[in-house]
Amino acid sequence: MDFYISNDKSKLNIAAIQQYIGRESYWGMGRTMEEVQRTIDNSLCFGLYNTSGGQMGFSRIVTDYVAFAYLMDVIIFPEYQGRGLGKELVKHMMDHEVIEKVQTVALKTKDAHGLYERFGFKRVGDSPYWMSIDKIKL
């Protein structure tokens, strides 16, 4: 499947993102349109699009650009799931210069541990949700 990934926030279909996160996700249930807009405004965002420009997925990173980055809201819209697009989106995020430069990358997931382990994430302590990549050598 042909696709591209863009950081251009003006391309994002915010209504579709809010529909998925606020009504279908386990982590963002009830998130309003205004809240979704605020998260987008305050994050480095990634939109995944087909060659016609239709949005197929979304993710974002909250970061200080030096020490810490937090991957959030990694979604592939239902009609595009099962095609490996989630792996492509995460790979693109992990190859992004911001992630390459920060010392620690973290995320929380209830059910996608296998996906993130492929990219070097490890579980944090005995938490069933937290995962991280820590590049700091102590």
N, C-alpha and C. Protein backbone atom coordinates (compact mmCIF):
# COMPACT_ATOMS: atom_id res chain seq x y z
N MET A 1 0.85 -1.18 0.00
CA MET A 1 0.00 0.00 0.00
C MET A 1 0.89 1.24 0.00
N ASP A 2 0.56 2.17 -0.86
CA ASP A 2 1.30 3.42 -0.92
C ASP A 2 0.78 4.37 0.15
N PHE A 3 1.73 5.03 0.83
CA PHE A 3 1.36 5.97 1.88
C PHE A 3 2.51 6.95 2.07
N TYR A 4 2.23 8.00 2.80
CA TYR A 4 3.28 8.91 3.23
C TYR A 4 2.95 9.41 4.63
N ILE A 5 3.97 9.91 5.32
CA ILE A 5 3.82 10.41 6.68
C ILE A 5 4.27 11.86 6.70
N SER A 6 3.49 12.70 7.33
CA SER A 6 3.78 14.13 7.36
C SER A 6 3.65 14.67 8.78
N ASN A 7 4.47 15.67 9.09
CA ASN A 7 4.37 16.39 10.36
C ASN A 7 3.53 17.67 10.22
N ASP A 8 2.96 17.90 9.06
CA ASP A 8 2.16 19.10 8.81
C ASP A 8 0.80 18.98 9.52
N LYS A 9 0.65 19.72 10.59
CA LYS A 9 -0.59 19.65 11.38
C LYS A 9 -1.82 20.13 10.61
N SER A 10 -1.63 20.96 9.60
CA SER A 10 -2.77 21.46 8.83
C SER A 10 -3.43 20.36 8.00
N LYS A 11 -2.74 19.25 7.78
CA LYS A 11 -3.30 18.12 7.03
C LYS A 11 -4.16 17.20 7.89
N LEU A 12 -4.03 17.30 9.21
CA LEU A 12 -4.69 16.35 10.11
C LEU A 12 -6.21 16.47 10.05
N ASN A 13 -6.87 15.31 10.04
CA ASN A 13 -8.33 15.25 10.12
C ASN A 13 -8.66 15.13 11.61
N ILE A 14 -8.78 16.26 12.27
CA ILE A 14 -8.93 16.29 13.72
C ILE A 14 -10.24 15.63 14.15
N ALA A 15 -11.29 15.78 13.36
CA ALA A 15 -12.56 15.13 13.70
C ALA A 15 -12.41 13.61 13.71
N ALA A 16 -11.70 13.05 12.74
CA ALA A 16 -11.49 11.60 12.70
C ALA A 16 -10.60 11.14 13.85
N ILE A 17 -9.60 11.93 14.17
CA ILE A 17 -8.71 11.60 15.30
C ILE A 17 -9.51 11.60 16.60
N GLN A 18 -10.32 12.64 16.80
CA GLN A 18 -11.12 12.71 18.02
C GLN A 18 -12.14 11.58 18.08
N GLN A 19 -12.74 11.24 16.96
CA GLN A 19 -13.71 10.15 16.91
C GLN A 19 -13.05 8.85 17.40
N TYR A 20 -11.86 8.57 16.90
CA TYR A 20 -11.20 7.32 17.29
C TYR A 20 -10.74 7.38 18.75
N ILE A 21 -10.01 8.41 19.10
CA ILE A 21 -9.45 8.48 20.45
C ILE A 21 -10.56 8.64 21.49
N GLY A 22 -11.49 9.53 21.25
CA GLY A 22 -12.51 9.84 22.25
C GLY A 22 -13.64 8.84 22.36
N ARG A 23 -13.83 8.02 21.33
CA ARG A 23 -14.97 7.11 21.35
C ARG A 23 -14.61 5.64 21.17
N GLU A 24 -13.38 5.35 20.69
CA GLU A 24 -13.03 3.97 20.42
C GLU A 24 -11.81 3.47 21.20
N SER A 25 -10.92 4.36 21.60
CA SER A 25 -9.70 3.92 22.28
C SER A 25 -9.96 3.65 23.76
N TYR A 26 -9.17 2.77 24.34
CA TYR A 26 -9.31 2.52 25.78
C TYR A 26 -8.62 3.61 26.60
N TRP A 27 -7.66 4.30 26.02
CA TRP A 27 -6.87 5.26 26.79
C TRP A 27 -7.41 6.68 26.73
N GLY A 28 -8.22 7.01 25.75
CA GLY A 28 -8.66 8.39 25.61
C GLY A 28 -10.17 8.55 25.58
N MET A 29 -10.87 7.53 26.04
CA MET A 29 -12.34 7.55 26.01
C MET A 29 -12.87 8.83 26.66
N GLY A 30 -13.72 9.53 25.93
CA GLY A 30 -14.31 10.76 26.44
C GLY A 30 -13.52 12.02 26.12
N ARG A 31 -12.35 11.89 25.50
CA ARG A 31 -11.57 13.09 25.16
C ARG A 31 -12.36 13.91 24.16
N THR A 32 -12.53 15.17 24.46
CA THR A 32 -13.35 16.06 23.63
C THR A 32 -12.55 16.60 22.44
N MET A 33 -13.27 17.21 21.51
CA MET A 33 -12.62 17.84 20.36
C MET A 33 -11.63 18.91 20.82
N GLU A 34 -12.02 19.71 21.80
CA GLU A 34 -11.14 20.76 22.31
C GLU A 34 -9.88 20.16 22.94
N GLU A 35 -10.03 19.08 23.66
CA GLU A 35 -8.87 18.42 24.28
C GLU A 35 -7.96 17.81 23.23
N VAL A 36 -8.53 17.19 22.22
CA VAL A 36 -7.71 16.64 21.13
C VAL A 36 -6.95 17.76 20.44
N GLN A 37 -7.61 18.86 20.18
CA GLN A 37 -6.94 20.00 19.54
C GLN A 37 -5.79 20.50 20.41
N ARG A 38 -5.99 20.57 21.71
CA ARG A 38 -4.94 21.05 22.62
C ARG A 38 -3.74 20.08 22.61
N THR A 39 -4.01 18.77 22.56
CA THR A 39 -2.90 17.81 22.53
C THR A 39 -2.12 17.95 21.23
N ILE A 40 -2.81 18.19 20.14
CA ILE A 40 -2.15 18.38 18.85
C ILE A 40 -1.32 19.65 18.87
N ASP A 41 -1.88 20.72 19.39
CA ASP A 41 -1.17 22.00 19.45
C ASP A 41 0.13 21.90 20.24
N ASN A 42 0.17 21.02 21.22
CA ASN A 42 1.31 20.94 22.13
C ASN A 42 2.18 19.70 21.91
N SER A 43 2.12 19.13 20.71
CA SER A 43 2.88 17.91 20.43
C SER A 43 3.51 17.97 19.04
N LEU A 44 4.51 17.13 18.84
CA LEU A 44 5.06 16.86 17.51
C LEU A 44 4.18 15.75 16.94
N CYS A 45 3.45 16.04 15.87
CA CYS A 45 2.45 15.11 15.35
C CYS A 45 2.88 14.47 14.04
N PHE A 46 2.34 13.28 13.81
CA PHE A 46 2.61 12.50 12.60
C PHE A 46 1.27 12.03 12.04
N GLY A 47 0.98 12.43 10.81
CA GLY A 47 -0.20 11.93 10.13
C GLY A 47 0.24 10.93 9.07
N LEU A 48 -0.48 9.83 8.96
CA LEU A 48 -0.22 8.79 7.96
C LEU A 48 -1.34 8.89 6.93
N TYR A 49 -0.97 9.04 5.64
CA TYR A 49 -1.94 9.32 4.59
C TYR A 49 -1.76 8.39 3.40
N ASN A 50 -2.87 8.12 2.71
CA ASN A 50 -2.75 7.41 1.44
C ASN A 50 -2.36 8.43 0.38
N THR A 51 -2.06 7.97 -0.81
CA THR A 51 -1.54 8.87 -1.85
C THR A 51 -2.59 9.88 -2.32
N SER A 52 -3.86 9.64 -1.99
CA SER A 52 -4.91 10.61 -2.31
C SER A 52 -5.05 11.67 -1.22
N GLY A 53 -4.29 11.52 -0.14
CA GLY A 53 -4.33 12.49 0.95
C GLY A 53 -5.30 12.13 2.06
N GLY A 54 -5.97 10.98 1.94
CA GLY A 54 -6.87 10.55 3.01
C GLY A 54 -6.07 10.06 4.20
N GLN A 55 -6.47 10.48 5.37
CA GLN A 55 -5.73 10.11 6.58
C GLN A 55 -6.05 8.68 6.99
N MET A 56 -4.98 7.91 7.28
CA MET A 56 -5.12 6.51 7.68
C MET A 56 -4.69 6.29 9.13
N GLY A 57 -3.89 7.21 9.67
CA GLY A 57 -3.40 7.03 11.03
C GLY A 57 -2.84 8.32 11.59
N PHE A 58 -2.45 8.24 12.86
CA PHE A 58 -1.98 9.42 13.59
C PHE A 58 -1.15 8.96 14.78
N SER A 59 -0.20 9.78 15.15
CA SER A 59 0.54 9.59 16.40
C SER A 59 1.15 10.93 16.78
N ARG A 60 1.62 10.98 18.03
CA ARG A 60 2.25 12.22 18.47
C ARG A 60 3.32 11.93 19.51
N ILE A 61 4.20 12.90 19.67
CA ILE A 61 5.29 12.83 20.64
C ILE A 61 5.25 14.09 21.49
N VAL A 62 5.31 13.92 22.80
CA VAL A 62 5.49 15.03 23.73
C VAL A 62 6.94 14.93 24.20
N THR A 63 7.68 16.04 24.08
CA THR A 63 9.11 15.97 24.36
C THR A 63 9.69 17.32 24.79
N ASP A 64 10.83 17.23 25.47
CA ASP A 64 11.61 18.43 25.76
C ASP A 64 12.77 18.57 24.76
N TYR A 65 12.88 17.65 23.81
CA TYR A 65 13.85 17.64 22.72
C TYR A 65 15.28 17.37 23.16
N VAL A 66 15.49 17.00 24.44
CA VAL A 66 16.83 16.69 24.93
C VAL A 66 16.82 15.40 25.74
N ALA A 67 16.10 15.41 26.83
CA ALA A 67 16.17 14.30 27.77
C ALA A 67 15.07 13.27 27.62
N PHE A 68 13.86 13.69 27.23
CA PHE A 68 12.72 12.78 27.32
C PHE A 68 11.73 12.99 26.18
N ALA A 69 11.19 11.88 25.70
CA ALA A 69 10.11 11.90 24.71
C ALA A 69 9.10 10.84 25.08
N TYR A 70 7.84 11.17 24.91
CA TYR A 70 6.74 10.26 25.26
C TYR A 70 5.89 10.05 24.02
N LEU A 71 5.84 8.82 23.51
CA LEU A 71 5.01 8.48 22.37
C LEU A 71 3.57 8.31 22.83
N MET A 72 2.65 8.93 22.10
CA MET A 72 1.24 8.91 22.53
C MET A 72 0.30 8.77 21.33
N ASP A 73 -0.89 8.28 21.62
CA ASP A 73 -1.99 8.26 20.66
C ASP A 73 -1.61 7.66 19.31
N VAL A 74 -0.90 6.55 19.33
CA VAL A 74 -0.54 5.87 18.08
C VAL A 74 -1.77 5.11 17.60
N ILE A 75 -2.34 5.57 16.49
CA ILE A 75 -3.56 4.95 15.99
C ILE A 75 -3.50 4.72 14.48
N ILE A 76 -4.12 3.65 14.07
CA ILE A 76 -4.43 3.39 12.66
C ILE A 76 -5.95 3.26 12.62
N PHE A 77 -6.60 4.01 11.77
CA PHE A 77 -8.05 3.95 11.70
C PHE A 77 -8.49 2.54 11.31
N PRO A 78 -9.62 2.07 11.86
CA PRO A 78 -10.03 0.67 11.72
C PRO A 78 -10.00 0.12 10.30
N GLU A 79 -10.43 0.88 9.34
CA GLU A 79 -10.48 0.37 7.97
C GLU A 79 -9.11 0.11 7.35
N TYR A 80 -8.03 0.58 8.02
CA TYR A 80 -6.67 0.39 7.51
C TYR A 80 -5.84 -0.54 8.40
N GLN A 81 -6.43 -1.05 9.46
CA GLN A 81 -5.69 -1.91 10.38
C GLN A 81 -5.39 -3.27 9.74
N GLY A 82 -4.36 -3.93 10.25
CA GLY A 82 -3.99 -5.25 9.76
C GLY A 82 -3.15 -5.24 8.51
N ARG A 83 -2.60 -4.10 8.14
CA ARG A 83 -1.80 -3.97 6.91
C ARG A 83 -0.35 -3.60 7.20
N GLY A 84 0.04 -3.60 8.48
CA GLY A 84 1.41 -3.25 8.83
C GLY A 84 1.67 -1.76 8.93
N LEU A 85 0.63 -0.95 8.84
CA LEU A 85 0.81 0.50 8.87
C LEU A 85 1.22 1.01 10.25
N GLY A 86 0.78 0.34 11.31
CA GLY A 86 1.21 0.72 12.65
C GLY A 86 2.71 0.57 12.80
N LYS A 87 3.26 -0.51 12.28
CA LYS A 87 4.72 -0.71 12.32
C LYS A 87 5.43 0.39 11.54
N GLU A 88 4.89 0.74 10.40
CA GLU A 88 5.51 1.80 9.57
C GLU A 88 5.47 3.14 10.29
N LEU A 89 4.36 3.43 10.94
CA LEU A 89 4.23 4.70 11.65
C LEU A 89 5.21 4.76 12.82
N VAL A 90 5.30 3.70 13.60
CA VAL A 90 6.23 3.67 14.74
C VAL A 90 7.67 3.73 14.23
N LYS A 91 7.99 3.01 13.16
CA LYS A 91 9.35 3.06 12.60
C LYS A 91 9.70 4.49 12.20
N HIS A 92 8.77 5.17 11.54
CA HIS A 92 9.02 6.55 11.13
C HIS A 92 9.27 7.44 12.35
N MET A 93 8.48 7.26 13.39
CA MET A 93 8.68 8.05 14.60
C MET A 93 10.04 7.76 15.23
N MET A 94 10.40 6.50 15.30
CA MET A 94 11.67 6.11 15.93
C MET A 94 12.87 6.60 15.13
N ASP A 95 12.71 6.75 13.81
CA ASP A 95 13.80 7.24 12.96
C ASP A 95 13.85 8.77 12.90
N HIS A 96 12.87 9.43 13.49
CA HIS A 96 12.81 10.90 13.45
C HIS A 96 13.96 11.48 14.27
N GLU A 97 14.51 12.59 13.82
CA GLU A 97 15.67 13.19 14.47
C GLU A 97 15.42 13.54 15.94
N VAL A 98 14.21 13.88 16.30
CA VAL A 98 13.90 14.20 17.69
C VAL A 98 14.12 12.97 18.57
N ILE A 99 13.59 11.83 18.15
CA ILE A 99 13.74 10.60 18.93
C ILE A 99 15.18 10.13 18.93
N GLU A 100 15.86 10.27 17.83
CA GLU A 100 17.26 9.85 17.77
C GLU A 100 18.13 10.61 18.75
N LYS A 101 17.75 11.85 19.10
CA LYS A 101 18.59 12.69 19.95
C LYS A 101 18.25 12.63 21.43
N VAL A 102 17.02 12.27 21.79
CA VAL A 102 16.65 12.28 23.20
C VAL A 102 17.25 11.07 23.93
N GLN A 103 17.40 11.22 25.24
CA GLN A 103 18.04 10.18 26.05
C GLN A 103 17.08 9.07 26.46
N THR A 104 15.83 9.40 26.70
CA THR A 104 14.85 8.40 27.13
C THR A 104 13.57 8.58 26.33
N VAL A 105 13.03 7.46 25.85
CA VAL A 105 11.76 7.45 25.13
C VAL A 105 10.84 6.50 25.89
N ALA A 106 9.63 6.96 26.18
CA ALA A 106 8.69 6.14 26.95
C ALA A 106 7.33 6.10 26.28
N LEU A 107 6.52 5.14 26.70
CA LEU A 107 5.15 5.02 26.24
C LEU A 107 4.39 4.14 27.21
N LYS A 108 3.10 4.15 27.09
CA LYS A 108 2.23 3.25 27.85
C LYS A 108 1.34 2.52 26.85
N THR A 109 1.19 1.21 27.05
CA THR A 109 0.30 0.42 26.22
C THR A 109 -0.31 -0.71 27.04
N LYS A 110 -1.52 -1.05 26.72
CA LYS A 110 -2.18 -2.16 27.38
C LYS A 110 -2.02 -3.45 26.57
N ASP A 111 -1.87 -3.31 25.24
CA ASP A 111 -1.95 -4.49 24.40
C ASP A 111 -1.00 -4.55 23.21
N ALA A 112 -0.08 -3.62 23.08
CA ALA A 112 0.80 -3.61 21.91
C ALA A 112 2.28 -3.77 22.27
N HIS A 113 2.56 -4.49 23.35
CA HIS A 113 3.94 -4.67 23.79
C HIS A 113 4.82 -5.27 22.69
N GLY A 114 4.30 -6.26 21.98
CA GLY A 114 5.07 -6.91 20.91
C GLY A 114 5.49 -5.95 19.82
N LEU A 115 4.60 -5.04 19.47
CA LEU A 115 4.93 -4.04 18.45
C LEU A 115 6.12 -3.20 18.90
N TYR A 116 6.06 -2.69 20.12
CA TYR A 116 7.10 -1.77 20.58
C TYR A 116 8.40 -2.49 20.93
N GLU A 117 8.34 -3.73 21.35
CA GLU A 117 9.56 -4.50 21.62
C GLU A 117 10.41 -4.63 20.37
N ARG A 118 9.80 -4.69 19.20
CA ARG A 118 10.54 -4.75 17.92
C ARG A 118 11.45 -3.55 17.73
N PHE A 119 11.11 -2.46 18.37
CA PHE A 119 11.87 -1.22 18.22
C PHE A 119 12.79 -0.95 19.40
N GLY A 120 12.94 -1.92 20.28
CA GLY A 120 13.87 -1.80 21.39
C GLY A 120 13.27 -1.38 22.71
N PHE A 121 11.97 -1.20 22.78
CA PHE A 121 11.34 -0.86 24.05
C PHE A 121 11.35 -2.06 24.98
N LYS A 122 11.54 -1.78 26.26
CA LYS A 122 11.50 -2.80 27.29
C LYS A 122 10.48 -2.38 28.35
N ARG A 123 9.91 -3.36 28.99
CA ARG A 123 8.96 -3.05 30.06
C ARG A 123 9.69 -2.38 31.22
N VAL A 124 9.00 -1.48 31.90
CA VAL A 124 9.58 -0.74 33.02
C VAL A 124 9.10 -1.39 34.31
N GLY A 125 10.04 -1.94 35.08
CA GLY A 125 9.71 -2.55 36.36
C GLY A 125 8.63 -3.61 36.22
N ASP A 126 7.69 -3.61 37.15
CA ASP A 126 6.62 -4.59 37.10
C ASP A 126 5.32 -3.98 36.55
N SER A 127 5.43 -2.83 35.90
CA SER A 127 4.25 -2.20 35.32
C SER A 127 3.74 -3.01 34.13
N PRO A 128 2.43 -3.24 34.07
CA PRO A 128 1.89 -3.92 32.90
C PRO A 128 1.74 -2.99 31.69
N TYR A 129 2.00 -1.70 31.86
CA TYR A 129 1.77 -0.72 30.81
C TYR A 129 3.01 0.03 30.32
N TRP A 130 3.85 0.49 31.24
CA TRP A 130 4.97 1.36 30.88
C TRP A 130 6.07 0.59 30.15
N MET A 131 6.59 1.22 29.09
CA MET A 131 7.74 0.70 28.35
C MET A 131 8.66 1.88 28.06
N SER A 132 9.96 1.59 27.90
CA SER A 132 10.89 2.68 27.58
C SER A 132 12.12 2.16 26.87
N ILE A 133 12.81 3.11 26.27
CA ILE A 133 14.15 2.93 25.75
C ILE A 133 14.98 3.95 26.49
N ASP A 134 15.98 3.50 27.21
CA ASP A 134 16.83 4.41 27.97
C ASP A 134 18.24 4.35 27.38
N LYS A 135 18.67 5.44 26.76
CA LYS A 135 19.97 5.52 26.11
C LYS A 135 21.07 5.97 27.06
N ILE A 136 20.70 6.36 28.29
CA ILE A 136 21.68 6.82 29.27
C ILE A 136 22.39 5.61 29.87
N LYS A 137 23.70 5.65 29.84
CA LYS A 137 24.50 4.57 30.43
C LYS A 137 24.99 5.04 31.79
N LEU A 138 24.46 4.43 32.85
CA LEU A 138 24.85 4.82 34.21
C LEU A 138 25.94 3.91 34.73
